[in-house]
């Protein structure tokens, strides 16, 4: 279930990234005037756990993605 949600979020980010470059000048405020587009939020960092179930860096040996 979690993998499906992560995959859907990644696909959504890719499509937003493609359309954002095409609509870069299309940001408007509430009055309809063109403004500079706000920056996008950074992606959430993945969480991983080691064999004992404690949180660890994802690059560490034996670390697995948390469910």
PDB file of N, CA and C in Angstrom:
ATOM      1  N   UNK A   1       0.821  -1.188   0.000  1.00  0.00           N
ATOM      2  CA  UNK A   1       0.000   0.000   0.000  1.00  0.00           C
ATOM      3  C   UNK A   1       0.869   1.257   0.000  1.00  0.00           C
ATOM      4  N   UNK A   2       1.895   1.254   0.856  1.00  0.00           N
ATOM      5  CA  UNK A   2       2.776   2.410   0.947  1.00  0.00           C
ATOM      6  C   UNK A   2       3.548   2.592  -0.351  1.00  0.00           C
ATOM      7  N   UNK A   3       3.986   1.500  -0.934  1.00  0.00           N
ATOM      8  CA  UNK A   3       4.738   1.599  -2.188  1.00  0.00           C
ATOM      9  C   UNK A   3       3.862   2.181  -3.293  1.00  0.00           C
ATOM     10  N   UNK A   4       2.587   1.836  -3.303  1.00  0.00           N
ATOM     11  CA  UNK A   4       1.665   2.368  -4.307  1.00  0.00           C
ATOM     12  C   UNK A   4       1.505   3.870  -4.138  1.00  0.00           C
ATOM     13  N   UNK A   5       1.380   4.317  -2.904  1.00  0.00           N
ATOM     14  CA  UNK A   5       1.235   5.751  -2.638  1.00  0.00           C
ATOM     15  C   UNK A   5       2.496   6.502  -3.035  1.00  0.00           C
ATOM     16  N   UNK A   6       3.655   5.933  -2.708  1.00  0.00           N
ATOM     17  CA  UNK A   6       4.921   6.577  -3.067  1.00  0.00           C
ATOM     18  C   UNK A   6       5.080   6.642  -4.582  1.00  0.00           C
ATOM     19  N   UNK A   7       4.713   5.574  -5.276  1.00  0.00           N
ATOM     20  CA  UNK A   7       4.816   5.563  -6.737  1.00  0.00           C
ATOM     21  C   UNK A   7       3.870   6.584  -7.357  1.00  0.00           C
ATOM     22  N   UNK A   8       2.658   6.696  -6.812  1.00  0.00           N
ATOM     23  CA  UNK A   8       1.705   7.675  -7.338  1.00  0.00           C
ATOM     24  C   UNK A   8       2.194   9.098  -7.083  1.00  0.00           C
ATOM     25  N   UNK A   9       2.780   9.333  -5.920  1.00  0.00           N
ATOM     26  CA  UNK A   9       3.303  10.671  -5.608  1.00  0.00           C
ATOM     27  C   UNK A   9       4.471  11.020  -6.524  1.00  0.00           C
ATOM     28  N   UNK A  10       5.332  10.051  -6.807  1.00  0.00           N
ATOM     29  CA  UNK A  10       6.464  10.294  -7.702  1.00  0.00           C
ATOM     30  C   UNK A  10       5.978  10.605  -9.112  1.00  0.00           C
ATOM     31  N   UNK A  11       4.974   9.879  -9.576  1.00  0.00           N
ATOM     32  CA  UNK A  11       4.425  10.137 -10.909  1.00  0.00           C
ATOM     33  C   UNK A  11       3.780  11.516 -10.968  1.00  0.00           C
ATOM     34  N   UNK A  12       3.103  11.904  -9.895  1.00  0.00           N
ATOM     35  CA  UNK A  12       2.476  13.223  -9.861  1.00  0.00           C
ATOM     36  C   UNK A  12       3.535  14.320  -9.885  1.00  0.00           C
ATOM     37  N   UNK A  13       4.633  14.123  -9.162  1.00  0.00           N
ATOM     38  CA  UNK A  13       5.703  15.117  -9.162  1.00  0.00           C
ATOM     39  C   UNK A  13       6.336  15.249 -10.539  1.00  0.00           C
ATOM     40  N   UNK A  14       6.478  14.137 -11.246  1.00  0.00           N
ATOM     41  CA  UNK A  14       7.056  14.204 -12.582  1.00  0.00           C
ATOM     42  C   UNK A  14       6.155  14.962 -13.539  1.00  0.00           C
ATOM     43  N   UNK A  15       4.853  14.740 -13.471  1.00  0.00           N
ATOM     44  CA  UNK A  15       3.955  15.436 -14.375  1.00  0.00           C
ATOM     45  C   UNK A  15       3.842  16.909 -14.009  1.00  0.00           C
ATOM     46  N   UNK A  16       3.915  17.227 -12.731  1.00  0.00           N
ATOM     47  CA  UNK A  16       3.887  18.628 -12.315  1.00  0.00           C
ATOM     48  C   UNK A  16       5.136  19.337 -12.783  1.00  0.00           C
ATOM     49  N   UNK A  17       6.278  18.662 -12.693  1.00  0.00           N
ATOM     50  CA  UNK A  17       7.539  19.259 -13.134  1.00  0.00           C
ATOM     51  C   UNK A  17       7.532  19.582 -14.617  1.00  0.00           C
ATOM     52  N   UNK A  18       6.925  18.731 -15.422  1.00  0.00           N
ATOM     53  CA  UNK A  18       6.857  18.966 -16.865  1.00  0.00           C
ATOM     54  C   UNK A  18       5.906  20.114 -17.172  1.00  0.00           C
ATOM     55  N   UNK A  19       4.745  20.141 -16.531  1.00  0.00           N
ATOM     56  CA  UNK A  19       3.783  21.191 -16.817  1.00  0.00           C
ATOM     57  C   UNK A  19       4.203  22.510 -16.185  1.00  0.00           C
ATOM     58  N   UNK A  20       4.975  22.471 -15.110  1.00  0.00           N
ATOM     59  CA  UNK A  20       5.406  23.706 -14.457  1.00  0.00           C
ATOM     60  C   UNK A  20       6.364  24.482 -15.355  1.00  0.00           C
ATOM     61  N   UNK A  21       7.195  23.770 -16.098  1.00  0.00           N
ATOM     62  CA  UNK A  21       8.120  24.469 -16.978  1.00  0.00           C
ATOM     63  C   UNK A  21       7.378  25.122 -18.146  1.00  0.00           C
ATOM     64  N   UNK A  22       6.285  24.522 -18.588  1.00  0.00           N
ATOM     65  CA  UNK A  22       5.504  25.087 -19.678  1.00  0.00           C
ATOM     66  C   UNK A  22       4.669  26.280 -19.207  1.00  0.00           C
ATOM     67  N   UNK A  23       4.234  26.242 -17.957  1.00  0.00           N
ATOM     68  CA  UNK A  23       3.395  27.302 -17.411  1.00  0.00           C
ATOM     69  C   UNK A  23       4.162  28.174 -16.421  1.00  0.00           C
ATOM     70  N   UNK A  24       5.433  28.388 -16.665  1.00  0.00           N
ATOM     71  CA  UNK A  24       6.267  29.108 -15.706  1.00  0.00           C
ATOM     72  C   UNK A  24       5.780  30.539 -15.490  1.00  0.00           C
ATOM     73  N   UNK A  25       5.245  31.180 -16.504  1.00  0.00           N
ATOM     74  CA  UNK A  25       4.809  32.569 -16.379  1.00  0.00           C
ATOM     75  C   UNK A  25       3.320  32.679 -16.079  1.00  0.00           C
ATOM     76  N   UNK A  26       2.664  31.582 -15.754  1.00  0.00           N
ATOM     77  CA  UNK A  26       1.218  31.607 -15.570  1.00  0.00           C
ATOM     78  C   UNK A  26       0.793  31.766 -14.108  1.00  0.00           C
ATOM     79  N   UNK A  27       1.683  32.130 -13.205  1.00  0.00           N
ATOM     80  CA  UNK A  27       1.313  32.306 -11.806  1.00  0.00           C
ATOM     81  C   UNK A  27       0.668  33.678 -11.631  1.00  0.00           C
ATOM     82  N   UNK A  28      -0.498  33.662 -11.010  1.00  0.00           N
ATOM     83  CA  UNK A  28      -1.223  34.911 -10.787  1.00  0.00           C
ATOM     84  C   UNK A  28      -1.660  34.997  -9.327  1.00  0.00           C
ATOM     85  N   UNK A  29      -1.817  36.217  -8.847  1.00  0.00           N
ATOM     86  CA  UNK A  29      -2.310  36.404  -7.489  1.00  0.00           C
ATOM     87  C   UNK A  29      -3.835  36.453  -7.497  1.00  0.00           C
ATOM     88  N   UNK A  30      -4.442  36.777  -6.352  1.00  0.00           N
ATOM     89  CA  UNK A  30      -5.899  36.783  -6.234  1.00  0.00           C
ATOM     90  C   UNK A  30      -6.545  37.853  -7.117  1.00  0.00           C
ATOM     91  N   UNK A  31      -5.819  38.904  -7.436  1.00  0.00           N
ATOM     92  CA  UNK A  31      -6.362  39.979  -8.274  1.00  0.00           C
ATOM     93  C   UNK A  31      -6.175  39.711  -9.763  1.00  0.00           C
ATOM     94  N   UNK A  32      -5.474  38.628 -10.106  1.00  0.00           N
ATOM     95  CA  UNK A  32      -5.278  38.274 -11.506  1.00  0.00           C
ATOM     96  C   UNK A  32      -4.001  38.819 -12.107  1.00  0.00           C
ATOM     97  N   UNK A  33      -3.176  39.455 -11.303  1.00  0.00           N
ATOM     98  CA  UNK A  33      -1.908  39.988 -11.824  1.00  0.00           C
ATOM     99  C   UNK A  33      -0.850  38.895 -11.800  1.00  0.00           C
ATOM    100  N   UNK A  34       0.050  38.956 -12.792  1.00  0.00           N
ATOM    101  CA  UNK A  34       1.132  37.986 -12.865  1.00  0.00           C
ATOM    102  C   UNK A  34       2.134  38.251 -11.750  1.00  0.00           C
ATOM    103  N   UNK A  35       2.553  37.185 -11.088  1.00  0.00           N
ATOM    104  CA  UNK A  35       3.541  37.265 -10.017  1.00  0.00           C
ATOM    105  C   UNK A  35       4.572  36.172 -10.221  1.00  0.00           C
ATOM    106  N   UNK A  36       5.643  36.251  -9.443  1.00  0.00           N
ATOM    107  CA  UNK A  36       6.645  35.190  -9.484  1.00  0.00           C
ATOM    108  C   UNK A  36       6.056  33.963  -8.787  1.00  0.00           C
ATOM    109  N   UNK A  37       6.198  32.795  -9.393  1.00  0.00           N
ATOM    110  CA  UNK A  37       5.630  31.571  -8.840  1.00  0.00           C
ATOM    111  C   UNK A  37       6.341  31.202  -7.537  1.00  0.00           C
ATOM    112  N   UNK A  38       5.591  30.731  -6.534  1.00  0.00           N
ATOM    113  CA  UNK A  38       6.219  30.319  -5.282  1.00  0.00           C
ATOM    114  C   UNK A  38       7.040  29.056  -5.485  1.00  0.00           C
ATOM    115  N   UNK A  39       8.096  28.873  -4.691  1.00  0.00           N
ATOM    116  CA  UNK A  39       8.916  27.665  -4.841  1.00  0.00           C
ATOM    117  C   UNK A  39       8.134  26.433  -4.408  1.00  0.00           C
ATOM    118  N   UNK A  40       8.457  25.311  -5.016  1.00  0.00           N
ATOM    119  CA  UNK A  40       7.779  24.063  -4.672  1.00  0.00           C
ATOM    120  C   UNK A  40       8.372  23.505  -3.392  1.00  0.00           C
ATOM    121  N   UNK A  41       7.602  22.718  -2.668  1.00  0.00           N
ATOM    122  CA  UNK A  41       8.070  22.108  -1.427  1.00  0.00           C
ATOM    123  C   UNK A  41       9.049  20.988  -1.746  1.00  0.00           C
ATOM    124  N   UNK A  42      10.093  20.849  -0.939  1.00  0.00           N
ATOM    125  CA  UNK A  42      11.045  19.759  -1.194  1.00  0.00           C
ATOM    126  C   UNK A  42      10.406  18.409  -0.888  1.00  0.00           C
ATOM    127  N   UNK A  43      10.885  17.390  -1.543  1.00  0.00           N
ATOM    128  CA  UNK A  43      10.351  16.044  -1.332  1.00  0.00           C
ATOM    129  C   UNK A  43      10.716  15.549   0.060  1.00  0.00           C
ATOM    130  N   UNK A  44       9.839  14.748   0.656  1.00  0.00           N
ATOM    131  CA  UNK A  44      10.115  14.200   1.975  1.00  0.00           C
ATOM    132  C   UNK A  44      11.241  13.170   1.885  1.00  0.00           C
ATOM    133  N   UNK A  45      12.076  13.184   2.897  1.00  0.00           N
ATOM    134  CA  UNK A  45      13.174  12.227   2.944  1.00  0.00           C
ATOM    135  C   UNK A  45      12.627  10.839   3.281  1.00  0.00           C
ATOM    136  N   UNK A  46      13.188   9.837   2.655  1.00  0.00           N
ATOM    137  CA  UNK A  46      12.768   8.472   2.924  1.00  0.00           C
ATOM    138  C   UNK A  46      13.278   8.060   4.301  1.00  0.00           C
ATOM    139  N   UNK A  47      12.530   7.207   4.976  1.00  0.00           N
ATOM    140  CA  UNK A  47      12.936   6.705   6.282  1.00  0.00           C
ATOM    141  C   UNK A  47      13.278   5.237   6.143  1.00  0.00           C
ATOM    142  N   UNK A  48      14.352   4.841   6.783  1.00  0.00           N
ATOM    143  CA  UNK A  48      14.785   3.454   6.734  1.00  0.00           C
ATOM    144  C   UNK A  48      15.010   2.945   8.154  1.00  0.00           C
ATOM    145  N   UNK A  49      14.884   1.631   8.309  1.00  0.00           N
ATOM    146  CA  UNK A  49      15.128   0.994   9.599  1.00  0.00           C
ATOM    147  C   UNK A  49      16.167  -0.102   9.422  1.00  0.00           C
ATOM    148  N   UNK A  50      16.917  -0.341  10.495  1.00  0.00           N
ATOM    149  CA  UNK A  50      17.891  -1.416  10.451  1.00  0.00           C
ATOM    150  C   UNK A  50      17.230  -2.732  10.865  1.00  0.00           C
ATOM    151  N   UNK A  51      18.018  -3.787  11.025  1.00  0.00           N
ATOM    152  CA  UNK A  51      17.482  -5.109  11.339  1.00  0.00           C
ATOM    153  C   UNK A  51      16.817  -5.152  12.710  1.00  0.00           C
ATOM    154  N   UNK A  52      17.231  -4.290  13.630  1.00  0.00           N
ATOM    155  CA  UNK A  52      16.661  -4.266  14.980  1.00  0.00           C
ATOM    156  C   UNK A  52      15.395  -3.418  15.056  1.00  0.00           C
ATOM    157  N   UNK A  53      15.052  -2.727  13.964  1.00  0.00           N
ATOM    158  CA  UNK A  53      13.843  -1.917  13.947  1.00  0.00           C
ATOM    159  C   UNK A  53      14.067  -0.464  14.308  1.00  0.00           C
ATOM    160  N   UNK A  54      15.321  -0.078  14.498  1.00  0.00           N
ATOM    161  CA  UNK A  54      15.630   1.317  14.831  1.00  0.00           C
ATOM    162  C   UNK A  54      15.842   2.091  13.537  1.00  0.00           C
ATOM    163  N   UNK A  55      15.542   3.396  13.575  1.00  0.00           N
ATOM    164  CA  UNK A  55      15.735   4.218  12.396  1.00  0.00           C
ATOM    165  C   UNK A  55      17.224   4.350  12.092  1.00  0.00           C
ATOM    166  N   UNK A  56      17.549   4.287  10.804  1.00  0.00           N
ATOM    167  CA  UNK A  56      18.931   4.377  10.353  1.00  0.00           C
ATOM    168  C   UNK A  56      18.968   5.142   9.044  1.00  0.00           C
ATOM    169  N   UNK A  57      20.156   5.556   8.657  1.00  0.00           N
ATOM    170  CA  UNK A  57      20.316   6.208   7.361  1.00  0.00           C
ATOM    171  C   UNK A  57      20.064   5.180   6.267  1.00  0.00           C
ATOM    172  N   UNK A  58      19.433   5.597   5.204  1.00  0.00           N
ATOM    173  CA  UNK A  58      19.079   4.652   4.134  1.00  0.00           C
ATOM    174  C   UNK A  58      20.292   4.086   3.425  1.00  0.00           C
ATOM    175  N   UNK A  59      21.429   4.747   3.477  1.00  0.00           N
ATOM    176  CA  UNK A  59      22.631   4.248   2.830  1.00  0.00           C
ATOM    177  C   UNK A  59      23.411   3.283   3.690  1.00  0.00           C
ATOM    178  N   UNK A  60      22.992   3.092   4.940  1.00  0.00           N
ATOM    179  CA  UNK A  60      23.726   2.208   5.849  1.00  0.00           C
ATOM    180  C   UNK A  60      23.548   0.748   5.426  1.00  0.00           C
ATOM    181  N   UNK A  61      24.545  -0.097   5.706  1.00  0.00           N
ATOM    182  CA  UNK A  61      24.408  -1.509   5.366  1.00  0.00           C
ATOM    183  C   UNK A  61      23.269  -2.166   6.144  1.00  0.00           C
ATOM    184  N   UNK A  62      22.425  -2.898   5.466  1.00  0.00           N
ATOM    185  CA  UNK A  62      21.324  -3.608   6.107  1.00  0.00           C
ATOM    186  C   UNK A  62      20.079  -2.760   6.344  1.00  0.00           C
ATOM    187  N   UNK A  63      20.088  -1.507   5.948  1.00  0.00           N
ATOM    188  CA  UNK A  63      18.923  -0.648   6.163  1.00  0.00           C
ATOM    189  C   UNK A  63      17.865  -0.959   5.116  1.00  0.00           C
ATOM    190  N   UNK A  64      16.605  -1.005   5.576  1.00  0.00           N
ATOM    191  CA  UNK A  64      15.478  -1.292   4.707  1.00  0.00           C
ATOM    192  C   UNK A  64      14.480  -0.135   4.808  1.00  0.00           C
ATOM    193  N   UNK A  65      13.755   0.179   3.740  1.00  0.00           N
ATOM    194  CA  UNK A  65      12.750   1.246   3.820  1.00  0.00           C
ATOM    195  C   UNK A  65      11.690   0.916   4.883  1.00  0.00           C
ATOM    196  N   UNK A  66      11.319   1.904   5.669  1.00  0.00           N
ATOM    197  CA  UNK A  66      10.298   1.713   6.708  1.00  0.00           C
ATOM    198  C   UNK A  66       8.938   1.593   6.048  1.00  0.00           C
ATOM    199  N   UNK A  67       8.095   0.776   6.621  1.00  0.00           N
ATOM    200  CA  UNK A  67       6.757   0.575   6.067  1.00  0.00           C
ATOM    201  C   UNK A  67       5.781   1.531   6.672  1.00  0.00           C
TER     202      UNK A  67
END
